[in-house]
């Protein structure tokens, strides 16, 4: 017996004659949280709208097990939250239950449960305009979760949050999703947060799903060069350049692709690679090392390398040769 909840089969979509999605195939399991990442214009929100039924695909089909219903709906939380501005937090969360004619006592019990879980008790009489972006998002998700959806869809859940809030919010979404066992699909630009909260990740580029796998496998061993390059810088190392590097596992005599995060900087500052630039990216640094009239980029947590230092580099891992072009 399969645990699959949703199966997208050959989904394509066009606006007029402009292709937006091209032959998307993916499965989503019950209780799973999936994130679709990609740049602006890749088709992420279009795919989300097709999943929620707002748009019909030009071709292909979506199979659900079981089919969504009035009692188990598909619900989308847009990045602007769309809270009712004239209603308090309590009334916003209660709105859907009232529309379904729940009894007053049951509405109160459900709303209070979610106010407590989402840490909004002290905001229950507050209007949306008085809330922070993070609090608005929690209200929007609580308003959706209280209806016990079969599928929760999140459109850019980190778009309106400060940098410091994003990581906490990703962990909160993950914890909440697992607590209520709601199958969830999120589309986002924010790679780090997507990896924090997701079971599986899809990489959508130019309307094509170039990668769909567990967060661990996509991070460690992407199967497509397009996905690898989207997730971070990729160096192409020719076989004639192997002599400059140390290897944990030396490849055959052919060119390889190496992610910037899979190169280790040696403590021995007497190698062939000269640091010519460095870029700070929050938790890590991108170093630009010159060798043989070429640049090799390395992403590292080490902060002791100065411009002009010479180092040795070890290639710890390289991408599978079958993804080479």
C-alpha atoms as a PDB file:
ATOM      1  CA  UNK A   1       0.000   0.000   0.000  1.00  0.00           C
ATOM      2  CA  UNK A   2       1.459   3.320  -1.076  1.00  0.00           C
ATOM      3  CA  UNK A   3       1.902   6.312   1.221  1.00  0.00           C
ATOM      4  CA  UNK A   4       1.603   8.644  -1.748  1.00  0.00           C
ATOM      5  CA  UNK A   5      -0.899  11.455  -1.356  1.00  0.00           C
ATOM      6  CA  UNK A   6      -0.420  13.370  -4.592  1.00  0.00           C
ATOM      7  CA  UNK A   7       0.997  12.437  -7.990  1.00  0.00           C
ATOM      8  CA  UNK A   8       1.739  15.065 -10.644  1.00  0.00           C
ATOM      9  CA  UNK A   9       1.957  13.437 -14.057  1.00  0.00           C
ATOM     10  CA  UNK A  10       3.344  15.306 -17.062  1.00  0.00           C
ATOM     11  CA  UNK A  11       2.079  18.696 -15.879  1.00  0.00           C
ATOM     12  CA  UNK A  12       2.598  21.508 -18.392  1.00  0.00           C
ATOM     13  CA  UNK A  13       1.157  25.018 -18.409  1.00  0.00           C
ATOM     14  CA  UNK A  14       1.152  27.874 -20.908  1.00  0.00           C
ATOM     15  CA  UNK A  15       0.091  31.523 -20.688  1.00  0.00           C
ATOM     16  CA  UNK A  16      -1.071  32.109 -24.247  1.00  0.00           C
ATOM     17  CA  UNK A  17       1.732  30.603 -26.278  1.00  0.00           C
ATOM     18  CA  UNK A  18       4.350  31.134 -23.562  1.00  0.00           C
ATOM     19  CA  UNK A  19       5.382  27.893 -21.807  1.00  0.00           C
ATOM     20  CA  UNK A  20       5.628  28.262 -18.007  1.00  0.00           C
ATOM     21  CA  UNK A  21       5.817  24.636 -16.829  1.00  0.00           C
ATOM     22  CA  UNK A  22       7.205  21.797 -18.898  1.00  0.00           C
ATOM     23  CA  UNK A  23       6.340  18.166 -18.183  1.00  0.00           C
ATOM     24  CA  UNK A  24       6.504  18.202 -14.356  1.00  0.00           C
ATOM     25  CA  UNK A  25       6.463  14.780 -12.705  1.00  0.00           C
ATOM     26  CA  UNK A  26       6.609  14.400  -8.917  1.00  0.00           C
ATOM     27  CA  UNK A  27       5.055  12.492  -6.059  1.00  0.00           C
ATOM     28  CA  UNK A  28       4.212  13.870  -2.614  1.00  0.00           C
ATOM     29  CA  UNK A  29       3.661  11.534   0.332  1.00  0.00           C
ATOM     30  CA  UNK A  30       1.136  11.846   3.162  1.00  0.00           C
ATOM     31  CA  UNK A  31       2.459  14.033   5.974  1.00  0.00           C
ATOM     32  CA  UNK A  32       5.471  15.162   3.950  1.00  0.00           C
ATOM     33  CA  UNK A  33       6.768  18.701   3.606  1.00  0.00           C
ATOM     34  CA  UNK A  34       8.158  19.489   0.161  1.00  0.00           C
ATOM     35  CA  UNK A  35       9.805  22.723  -0.915  1.00  0.00           C
ATOM     36  CA  UNK A  36      10.118  23.874  -4.508  1.00  0.00           C
ATOM     37  CA  UNK A  37      13.026  26.271  -4.945  1.00  0.00           C
ATOM     38  CA  UNK A  38      14.071  28.277  -7.969  1.00  0.00           C
ATOM     39  CA  UNK A  39      14.611  31.835  -9.213  1.00  0.00           C
ATOM     40  CA  UNK A  40      11.885  34.351 -10.013  1.00  0.00           C
ATOM     41  CA  UNK A  41       9.993  33.413 -13.156  1.00  0.00           C
ATOM     42  CA  UNK A  42      10.808  29.718 -12.910  1.00  0.00           C
ATOM     43  CA  UNK A  43       7.123  28.781 -12.519  1.00  0.00           C
ATOM     44  CA  UNK A  44       7.017  28.063  -8.771  1.00  0.00           C
ATOM     45  CA  UNK A  45       3.835  30.003  -7.949  1.00  0.00           C
ATOM     46  CA  UNK A  46       2.122  28.689 -11.088  1.00  0.00           C
ATOM     47  CA  UNK A  47       2.837  25.143  -9.920  1.00  0.00           C
ATOM     48  CA  UNK A  48       1.461  26.007  -6.476  1.00  0.00           C
ATOM     49  CA  UNK A  49      -1.747  27.414  -7.987  1.00  0.00           C
ATOM     50  CA  UNK A  50      -2.182  24.254 -10.060  1.00  0.00           C
ATOM     51  CA  UNK A  51      -1.779  22.156  -6.914  1.00  0.00           C
ATOM     52  CA  UNK A  52      -4.465  24.136  -5.122  1.00  0.00           C
ATOM     53  CA  UNK A  53      -6.853  24.075  -8.099  1.00  0.00           C
ATOM     54  CA  UNK A  54      -6.749  27.812  -8.833  1.00  0.00           C
ATOM     55  CA  UNK A  55      -5.266  27.034 -12.262  1.00  0.00           C
ATOM     56  CA  UNK A  56      -5.850  24.082 -14.552  1.00  0.00           C
ATOM     57  CA  UNK A  57      -2.791  22.613 -16.285  1.00  0.00           C
ATOM     58  CA  UNK A  58      -2.602  22.906 -20.058  1.00  0.00           C
ATOM     59  CA  UNK A  59      -1.790  19.199 -20.128  1.00  0.00           C
ATOM     60  CA  UNK A  60      -1.151  16.409 -17.640  1.00  0.00           C
ATOM     61  CA  UNK A  61      -3.056  15.414 -14.524  1.00  0.00           C
ATOM     62  CA  UNK A  62      -2.863  15.422 -10.726  1.00  0.00           C
ATOM     63  CA  UNK A  63      -4.031  12.365  -8.816  1.00  0.00           C
ATOM     64  CA  UNK A  64      -4.911  12.640  -5.110  1.00  0.00           C
ATOM     65  CA  UNK A  65      -5.311   9.851  -2.545  1.00  0.00           C
ATOM     66  CA  UNK A  66      -7.877  10.655  -1.246  1.00  0.00           C
ATOM     67  CA  UNK A  67      -9.377  13.508  -3.259  1.00  0.00           C
ATOM     68  CA  UNK A  68      -9.566  16.858  -1.418  1.00  0.00           C
ATOM     69  CA  UNK A  69     -13.039  17.704  -0.131  1.00  0.00           C
ATOM     70  CA  UNK A  70     -14.942  20.427   1.684  1.00  0.00           C
ATOM     71  CA  UNK A  71     -14.067  18.803   4.997  1.00  0.00           C
ATOM     72  CA  UNK A  72     -10.433  18.183   3.933  1.00  0.00           C
ATOM     73  CA  UNK A  73      -9.619  21.059   1.590  1.00  0.00           C
ATOM     74  CA  UNK A  74      -6.513  22.320  -0.163  1.00  0.00           C
ATOM     75  CA  UNK A  75      -5.544  25.694   1.306  1.00  0.00           C
ATOM     76  CA  UNK A  76      -2.944  28.178   0.093  1.00  0.00           C
ATOM     77  CA  UNK A  77      -1.257  30.797   2.305  1.00  0.00           C
ATOM     78  CA  UNK A  78      -0.087  33.652   0.089  1.00  0.00           C
ATOM     79  CA  UNK A  79       3.016  35.656   0.938  1.00  0.00           C
ATOM     80  CA  UNK A  80       0.886  38.737   1.740  1.00  0.00           C
ATOM     81  CA  UNK A  81      -1.146  36.624   4.239  1.00  0.00           C
ATOM     82  CA  UNK A  82      -4.505  38.227   3.205  1.00  0.00           C
ATOM     83  CA  UNK A  83      -5.772  38.544   6.774  1.00  0.00           C
ATOM     84  CA  UNK A  84      -9.106  40.303   7.297  1.00  0.00           C
ATOM     85  CA  UNK A  85      -7.965  43.764   8.481  1.00  0.00           C
ATOM     86  CA  UNK A  86     -11.141  44.561  10.450  1.00  0.00           C
ATOM     87  CA  UNK A  87     -11.065  41.269  12.396  1.00  0.00           C
ATOM     88  CA  UNK A  88      -9.015  40.418  15.490  1.00  0.00           C
ATOM     89  CA  UNK A  89      -6.575  37.524  15.512  1.00  0.00           C
ATOM     90  CA  UNK A  90      -9.225  35.365  17.189  1.00  0.00           C
ATOM     91  CA  UNK A  91     -11.860  36.279  14.594  1.00  0.00           C
ATOM     92  CA  UNK A  92      -9.465  35.653  11.688  1.00  0.00           C
ATOM     93  CA  UNK A  93      -8.717  32.132  12.907  1.00  0.00           C
ATOM     94  CA  UNK A  94     -12.388  31.456  13.675  1.00  0.00           C
ATOM     95  CA  UNK A  95     -13.650  32.709  10.312  1.00  0.00           C
ATOM     96  CA  UNK A  96     -13.489  29.436   8.388  1.00  0.00           C
ATOM     97  CA  UNK A  97     -15.041  27.477  11.235  1.00  0.00           C
ATOM     98  CA  UNK A  98     -17.971  29.901  11.400  1.00  0.00           C
ATOM     99  CA  UNK A  99     -18.421  29.634   7.635  1.00  0.00           C
ATOM    100  CA  UNK A 100     -18.730  25.866   8.112  1.00  0.00           C
ATOM    101  CA  UNK A 101     -21.400  26.344  10.795  1.00  0.00           C
ATOM    102  CA  UNK A 102     -19.405  24.877  13.679  1.00  0.00           C
ATOM    103  CA  UNK A 103     -21.025  25.344  17.076  1.00  0.00           C
ATOM    104  CA  UNK A 104     -19.814  28.270  19.145  1.00  0.00           C
ATOM    105  CA  UNK A 105     -18.282  26.069  21.855  1.00  0.00           C
ATOM    106  CA  UNK A 106     -16.363  23.959  19.340  1.00  0.00           C
ATOM    107  CA  UNK A 107     -15.121  27.083  17.530  1.00  0.00           C
ATOM    108  CA  UNK A 108     -13.814  28.515  20.787  1.00  0.00           C
ATOM    109  CA  UNK A 109     -12.087  25.257  21.761  1.00  0.00           C
ATOM    110  CA  UNK A 110     -10.371  24.936  18.387  1.00  0.00           C
ATOM    111  CA  UNK A 111      -9.335  28.586  18.157  1.00  0.00           C
ATOM    112  CA  UNK A 112      -7.956  28.652  21.705  1.00  0.00           C
ATOM    113  CA  UNK A 113      -5.978  25.483  20.992  1.00  0.00           C
ATOM    114  CA  UNK A 114      -4.331  27.120  17.983  1.00  0.00           C
ATOM    115  CA  UNK A 115      -3.792  30.437  19.740  1.00  0.00           C
ATOM    116  CA  UNK A 116      -1.951  28.545  22.438  1.00  0.00           C
ATOM    117  CA  UNK A 117       0.087  26.381  20.053  1.00  0.00           C
ATOM    118  CA  UNK A 118       1.043  29.341  17.839  1.00  0.00           C
ATOM    119  CA  UNK A 119       1.914  31.477  20.888  1.00  0.00           C
ATOM    120  CA  UNK A 120      -0.735  34.070  20.034  1.00  0.00           C
ATOM    121  CA  UNK A 121      -2.809  34.065  23.221  1.00  0.00           C
ATOM    122  CA  UNK A 122      -1.754  37.574  24.154  1.00  0.00           C
ATOM    123  CA  UNK A 123      -2.652  38.801  20.644  1.00  0.00           C
ATOM    124  CA  UNK A 124      -6.115  37.276  20.284  1.00  0.00           C
ATOM    125  CA  UNK A 125      -7.911  40.649  20.414  1.00  0.00           C
ATOM    126  CA  UNK A 126      -5.311  42.436  18.269  1.00  0.00           C
ATOM    127  CA  UNK A 127      -5.976  43.648  14.725  1.00  0.00           C
ATOM    128  CA  UNK A 128      -3.590  42.531  11.939  1.00  0.00           C
ATOM    129  CA  UNK A 129      -2.146  46.026  11.409  1.00  0.00           C
ATOM    130  CA  UNK A 130      -0.728  45.891  14.944  1.00  0.00           C
ATOM    131  CA  UNK A 131       1.130  42.596  14.351  1.00  0.00           C
ATOM    132  CA  UNK A 132       4.672  41.991  13.175  1.00  0.00           C
ATOM    133  CA  UNK A 133       5.244  40.160   9.877  1.00  0.00           C
ATOM    134  CA  UNK A 134       6.105  36.980  11.762  1.00  0.00           C
ATOM    135  CA  UNK A 135       2.931  37.184  13.843  1.00  0.00           C
ATOM    136  CA  UNK A 136       0.795  37.811  10.742  1.00  0.00           C
ATOM    137  CA  UNK A 137       2.253  34.726   9.142  1.00  0.00           C
ATOM    138  CA  UNK A 138       1.462  32.622  12.216  1.00  0.00           C
ATOM    139  CA  UNK A 139      -2.130  33.846  12.168  1.00  0.00           C
ATOM    140  CA  UNK A 140      -2.427  33.008   8.461  1.00  0.00           C
ATOM    141  CA  UNK A 141      -1.066  29.498   8.992  1.00  0.00           C
ATOM    142  CA  UNK A 142      -3.208  28.966  12.110  1.00  0.00           C
ATOM    143  CA  UNK A 143      -6.304  30.100  10.158  1.00  0.00           C
ATOM    144  CA  UNK A 144      -5.473  27.425   7.580  1.00  0.00           C
ATOM    145  CA  UNK A 145      -4.471  24.655   9.981  1.00  0.00           C
ATOM    146  CA  UNK A 146      -7.622  24.984  12.074  1.00  0.00           C
ATOM    147  CA  UNK A 147      -9.612  23.769   9.052  1.00  0.00           C
ATOM    148  CA  UNK A 148      -7.612  20.503   8.999  1.00  0.00           C
ATOM    149  CA  UNK A 149      -6.558  20.768   5.337  1.00  0.00           C
ATOM    150  CA  UNK A 150      -5.549  17.749   3.313  1.00  0.00           C
ATOM    151  CA  UNK A 151      -2.892  19.896   1.622  1.00  0.00           C
ATOM    152  CA  UNK A 152      -1.316  23.127   2.867  1.00  0.00           C
ATOM    153  CA  UNK A 153       0.433  25.275   0.257  1.00  0.00           C
ATOM    154  CA  UNK A 154       2.805  28.073   1.262  1.00  0.00           C
ATOM    155  CA  UNK A 155       3.695  30.799  -1.236  1.00  0.00           C
ATOM    156  CA  UNK A 156       7.087  32.328  -0.367  1.00  0.00           C
ATOM    157  CA  UNK A 157       6.642  31.926   3.414  1.00  0.00           C
ATOM    158  CA  UNK A 158       9.856  33.862   4.203  1.00  0.00           C
ATOM    159  CA  UNK A 159       9.394  36.745   1.751  1.00  0.00           C
ATOM    160  CA  UNK A 160       8.286  39.368   4.297  1.00  0.00           C
ATOM    161  CA  UNK A 161      10.454  38.259   7.209  1.00  0.00           C
ATOM    162  CA  UNK A 162      13.660  39.779   8.522  1.00  0.00           C
ATOM    163  CA  UNK A 163      16.820  37.713   8.059  1.00  0.00           C
ATOM    164  CA  UNK A 164      16.943  36.793  11.752  1.00  0.00           C
ATOM    165  CA  UNK A 165      13.347  35.527  11.718  1.00  0.00           C
ATOM    166  CA  UNK A 166      13.687  33.238   8.718  1.00  0.00           C
ATOM    167  CA  UNK A 167      15.553  30.383  10.395  1.00  0.00           C
ATOM    168  CA  UNK A 168      13.239  30.359  13.443  1.00  0.00           C
ATOM    169  CA  UNK A 169      10.200  30.446  11.175  1.00  0.00           C
ATOM    170  CA  UNK A 170      11.475  27.533   9.072  1.00  0.00           C
ATOM    171  CA  UNK A 171      11.911  25.442  12.208  1.00  0.00           C
ATOM    172  CA  UNK A 172       8.479  26.511  13.459  1.00  0.00           C
ATOM    173  CA  UNK A 173       6.817  25.506  10.170  1.00  0.00           C
ATOM    174  CA  UNK A 174       8.558  22.129  10.300  1.00  0.00           C
ATOM    175  CA  UNK A 175       7.550  21.498  13.922  1.00  0.00           C
ATOM    176  CA  UNK A 176       3.957  22.613  13.290  1.00  0.00           C
ATOM    177  CA  UNK A 177       3.630  20.573  10.116  1.00  0.00           C
ATOM    178  CA  UNK A 178       4.842  17.413  11.840  1.00  0.00           C
ATOM    179  CA  UNK A 179       2.650  18.054  14.901  1.00  0.00           C
ATOM    180  CA  UNK A 180      -0.516  18.238  12.799  1.00  0.00           C
ATOM    181  CA  UNK A 181       0.686  15.816  10.098  1.00  0.00           C
ATOM    182  CA  UNK A 182      -0.485  18.095   7.288  1.00  0.00           C
ATOM    183  CA  UNK A 183       0.943  17.395   3.844  1.00  0.00           C
ATOM    184  CA  UNK A 184       2.655  20.655   2.908  1.00  0.00           C
ATOM    185  CA  UNK A 185       4.186  22.148  -0.232  1.00  0.00           C
ATOM    186  CA  UNK A 186       6.144  25.391  -0.076  1.00  0.00           C
ATOM    187  CA  UNK A 187       7.671  27.484  -2.848  1.00  0.00           C
ATOM    188  CA  UNK A 188      10.526  29.751  -1.854  1.00  0.00           C
ATOM    189  CA  UNK A 189      13.657  31.610  -2.929  1.00  0.00           C
ATOM    190  CA  UNK A 190      15.262  30.881   0.432  1.00  0.00           C
ATOM    191  CA  UNK A 191      17.446  27.806   0.052  1.00  0.00           C
ATOM    192  CA  UNK A 192      18.715  27.606   3.618  1.00  0.00           C
ATOM    193  CA  UNK A 193      15.231  27.718   5.097  1.00  0.00           C
ATOM    194  CA  UNK A 194      13.970  25.191   2.556  1.00  0.00           C
ATOM    195  CA  UNK A 195      16.684  22.744   3.615  1.00  0.00           C
ATOM    196  CA  UNK A 196      15.902  23.395   7.284  1.00  0.00           C
ATOM    197  CA  UNK A 197      12.240  22.462   7.117  1.00  0.00           C
ATOM    198  CA  UNK A 198      11.775  20.072   4.192  1.00  0.00           C
ATOM    199  CA  UNK A 199      11.716  16.318   3.716  1.00  0.00           C
ATOM    200  CA  UNK A 200      12.254  16.672  -0.020  1.00  0.00           C
ATOM    201  CA  UNK A 201      13.220  19.530  -2.311  1.00  0.00           C
ATOM    202  CA  UNK A 202      12.513  20.152  -5.968  1.00  0.00           C
ATOM    203  CA  UNK A 203      14.652  22.517  -8.034  1.00  0.00           C
ATOM    204  CA  UNK A 204      12.566  24.289 -10.677  1.00  0.00           C
ATOM    205  CA  UNK A 205      14.484  26.093 -13.433  1.00  0.00           C
ATOM    206  CA  UNK A 206      12.881  27.596 -16.551  1.00  0.00           C
ATOM    207  CA  UNK A 207       9.707  25.604 -15.953  1.00  0.00           C
ATOM    208  CA  UNK A 208      11.516  22.271 -15.642  1.00  0.00           C
ATOM    209  CA  UNK A 209      11.901  20.197 -12.489  1.00  0.00           C
ATOM    210  CA  UNK A 210      15.614  19.469 -12.863  1.00  0.00           C
ATOM    211  CA  UNK A 211      15.968  17.763  -9.465  1.00  0.00           C
ATOM    212  CA  UNK A 212      13.628  16.217  -6.892  1.00  0.00           C
ATOM    213  CA  UNK A 213      15.089  14.312  -3.984  1.00  0.00           C
ATOM    214  CA  UNK A 214      15.645  14.237  -0.225  1.00  0.00           C
ATOM    215  CA  UNK A 215      17.312  17.305   1.255  1.00  0.00           C
ATOM    216  CA  UNK A 216      20.388  15.213   2.121  1.00  0.00           C
ATOM    217  CA  UNK A 217      20.827  13.796  -1.380  1.00  0.00           C
ATOM    218  CA  UNK A 218      20.274  17.114  -3.132  1.00  0.00           C
ATOM    219  CA  UNK A 219      22.769  18.844  -0.858  1.00  0.00           C
ATOM    220  CA  UNK A 220      25.441  16.150  -1.042  1.00  0.00           C
ATOM    221  CA  UNK A 221      24.971  14.631  -4.496  1.00  0.00           C
ATOM    222  CA  UNK A 222      22.775  16.575  -6.918  1.00  0.00           C
ATOM    223  CA  UNK A 223      22.084  14.548 -10.052  1.00  0.00           C
ATOM    224  CA  UNK A 224      21.954  17.476 -12.480  1.00  0.00           C
ATOM    225  CA  UNK A 225      24.537  20.130 -13.201  1.00  0.00           C
ATOM    226  CA  UNK A 226      21.744  22.742 -13.442  1.00  0.00           C
ATOM    227  CA  UNK A 227      20.632  22.009  -9.875  1.00  0.00           C
ATOM    228  CA  UNK A 228      24.202  21.961  -8.587  1.00  0.00           C
ATOM    229  CA  UNK A 229      24.916  25.367 -10.104  1.00  0.00           C
ATOM    230  CA  UNK A 230      21.691  26.823  -8.714  1.00  0.00           C
ATOM    231  CA  UNK A 231      22.531  25.581  -5.212  1.00  0.00           C
ATOM    232  CA  UNK A 232      26.022  27.086  -5.253  1.00  0.00           C
ATOM    233  CA  UNK A 233      29.106  27.696  -7.344  1.00  0.00           C
ATOM    234  CA  UNK A 234      30.478  24.729  -9.265  1.00  0.00           C
ATOM    235  CA  UNK A 235      34.100  24.511 -10.443  1.00  0.00           C
ATOM    236  CA  UNK A 236      35.043  22.578 -13.558  1.00  0.00           C
ATOM    237  CA  UNK A 237      38.419  20.915 -12.996  1.00  0.00           C
ATOM    238  CA  UNK A 238      40.183  19.491 -16.042  1.00  0.00           C
ATOM    239  CA  UNK A 239      42.293  16.360 -15.781  1.00  0.00           C
ATOM    240  CA  UNK A 240      45.390  18.403 -16.661  1.00  0.00           C
ATOM    241  CA  UNK A 241      44.747  20.451 -13.486  1.00  0.00           C
ATOM    242  CA  UNK A 242      44.585  17.491 -11.067  1.00  0.00           C
ATOM    243  CA  UNK A 243      48.271  17.954 -10.222  1.00  0.00           C
ATOM    244  CA  UNK A 244      47.470  21.141  -8.319  1.00  0.00           C
ATOM    245  CA  UNK A 245      44.971  19.460  -5.959  1.00  0.00           C
ATOM    246  CA  UNK A 246      44.973  16.779  -3.312  1.00  0.00           C
ATOM    247  CA  UNK A 247      42.116  14.253  -3.534  1.00  0.00           C
ATOM    248  CA  UNK A 248      40.301  12.118  -0.985  1.00  0.00           C
ATOM    249  CA  UNK A 249      39.187   9.973  -3.924  1.00  0.00           C
ATOM    250  CA  UNK A 250      40.969  10.729  -7.175  1.00  0.00           C
ATOM    251  CA  UNK A 251      38.801  10.506 -10.299  1.00  0.00           C
ATOM    252  CA  UNK A 252      39.593   8.914 -13.614  1.00  0.00           C
ATOM    253  CA  UNK A 253      41.492  10.875 -16.224  1.00  0.00           C
ATOM    254  CA  UNK A 254      38.617  13.182 -17.224  1.00  0.00           C
ATOM    255  CA  UNK A 255      37.225  16.591 -16.319  1.00  0.00           C
ATOM    256  CA  UNK A 256      35.051  16.822 -13.201  1.00  0.00           C
ATOM    257  CA  UNK A 257      32.581  19.255 -11.640  1.00  0.00           C
ATOM    258  CA  UNK A 258      33.238  20.168  -8.009  1.00  0.00           C
ATOM    259  CA  UNK A 259      30.902  22.137  -5.746  1.00  0.00           C
ATOM    260  CA  UNK A 260      32.597  25.028  -3.960  1.00  0.00           C
ATOM    261  CA  UNK A 261      31.558  23.518  -0.610  1.00  0.00           C
ATOM    262  CA  UNK A 262      33.314  20.227  -1.385  1.00  0.00           C
ATOM    263  CA  UNK A 263      36.827  21.664  -1.448  1.00  0.00           C
ATOM    264  CA  UNK A 264      38.834  21.747   1.786  1.00  0.00           C
ATOM    265  CA  UNK A 265      41.384  24.454   2.526  1.00  0.00           C
ATOM    266  CA  UNK A 266      44.562  23.023   4.049  1.00  0.00           C
ATOM    267  CA  UNK A 267      46.212  24.563   7.108  1.00  0.00           C
ATOM    268  CA  UNK A 268      49.475  24.359   5.167  1.00  0.00           C
ATOM    269  CA  UNK A 269      49.862  27.862   3.707  1.00  0.00           C
ATOM    270  CA  UNK A 270      52.444  26.922   1.100  1.00  0.00           C
ATOM    271  CA  UNK A 271      50.352  25.559  -1.754  1.00  0.00           C
ATOM    272  CA  UNK A 272      49.723  26.515  -5.355  1.00  0.00           C
ATOM    273  CA  UNK A 273      46.517  28.467  -4.733  1.00  0.00           C
ATOM    274  CA  UNK A 274      46.722  32.208  -4.069  1.00  0.00           C
ATOM    275  CA  UNK A 275      43.760  33.967  -2.420  1.00  0.00           C
ATOM    276  CA  UNK A 276      42.833  36.948  -4.616  1.00  0.00           C
ATOM    277  CA  UNK A 277      39.377  37.771  -3.222  1.00  0.00           C
ATOM    278  CA  UNK A 278      36.869  36.771  -0.522  1.00  0.00           C
ATOM    279  CA  UNK A 279      33.146  37.351  -0.109  1.00  0.00           C
ATOM    280  CA  UNK A 280      31.260  37.075   3.171  1.00  0.00           C
ATOM    281  CA  UNK A 281      27.934  35.246   2.875  1.00  0.00           C
ATOM    282  CA  UNK A 282      26.651  35.144   6.433  1.00  0.00           C
ATOM    283  CA  UNK A 283      27.659  31.753   7.799  1.00  0.00           C
ATOM    284  CA  UNK A 284      30.435  31.077   5.303  1.00  0.00           C
ATOM    285  CA  UNK A 285      32.996  32.803   3.068  1.00  0.00           C
ATOM    286  CA  UNK A 286      33.549  32.377  -0.659  1.00  0.00           C
ATOM    287  CA  UNK A 287      37.280  32.419  -1.364  1.00  0.00           C
ATOM    288  CA  UNK A 288      38.616  33.046  -4.860  1.00  0.00           C
ATOM    289  CA  UNK A 289      41.907  31.218  -5.406  1.00  0.00           C
ATOM    290  CA  UNK A 290      44.074  31.791  -8.453  1.00  0.00           C
ATOM    291  CA  UNK A 291      46.045  28.952 -10.012  1.00  0.00           C
ATOM    292  CA  UNK A 292      47.412  28.330 -13.495  1.00  0.00           C
ATOM    293  CA  UNK A 293      45.696  31.473 -14.867  1.00  0.00           C
ATOM    294  CA  UNK A 294      42.338  30.248 -13.551  1.00  0.00           C
ATOM    295  CA  UNK A 295      40.063  30.873 -10.541  1.00  0.00           C
ATOM    296  CA  UNK A 296      38.801  28.183  -8.157  1.00  0.00           C
ATOM    297  CA  UNK A 297      36.015  29.212  -5.774  1.00  0.00           C
ATOM    298  CA  UNK A 298      35.810  27.582  -2.343  1.00  0.00           C
ATOM    299  CA  UNK A 299      33.006  28.014   0.212  1.00  0.00           C
ATOM    300  CA  UNK A 300      34.389  27.640   3.738  1.00  0.00           C
ATOM    301  CA  UNK A 301      33.680  28.425   7.380  1.00  0.00           C
ATOM    302  CA  UNK A 302      37.394  29.222   7.849  1.00  0.00           C
ATOM    303  CA  UNK A 303      38.028  32.916   8.419  1.00  0.00           C
ATOM    304  CA  UNK A 304      41.820  32.910   8.720  1.00  0.00           C
ATOM    305  CA  UNK A 305      42.793  33.255   5.061  1.00  0.00           C
ATOM    306  CA  UNK A 306      43.920  36.703   3.914  1.00  0.00           C
ATOM    307  CA  UNK A 307      44.239  38.085   0.409  1.00  0.00           C
ATOM    308  CA  UNK A 308      47.647  37.026  -0.902  1.00  0.00           C
ATOM    309  CA  UNK A 309      47.905  33.842   1.197  1.00  0.00           C
ATOM    310  CA  UNK A 310      48.840  30.658  -0.610  1.00  0.00           C
ATOM    311  CA  UNK A 311      47.112  27.434   0.393  1.00  0.00           C
ATOM    312  CA  UNK A 312      46.673  23.808  -0.570  1.00  0.00           C
ATOM    313  CA  UNK A 313      43.246  22.557  -1.622  1.00  0.00           C
ATOM    314  CA  UNK A 314      41.792  19.070  -1.236  1.00  0.00           C
ATOM    315  CA  UNK A 315      38.830  17.932  -3.313  1.00  0.00           C
ATOM    316  CA  UNK A 316      36.649  16.036  -0.867  1.00  0.00           C
ATOM    317  CA  UNK A 317      33.865  15.089  -3.285  1.00  0.00           C
ATOM    318  CA  UNK A 318      32.909  15.688  -6.899  1.00  0.00           C
ATOM    319  CA  UNK A 319      29.667  15.450  -8.765  1.00  0.00           C
ATOM    320  CA  UNK A 320      28.726  12.191 -10.504  1.00  0.00           C
ATOM    321  CA  UNK A 321      30.227  11.967 -13.976  1.00  0.00           C
ATOM    322  CA  UNK A 322      26.850  11.088 -15.517  1.00  0.00           C
ATOM    323  CA  UNK A 323      25.609  14.658 -14.982  1.00  0.00           C
ATOM    324  CA  UNK A 324      28.406  16.079 -17.085  1.00  0.00           C
ATOM    325  CA  UNK A 325      27.516  17.837 -20.314  1.00  0.00           C
END
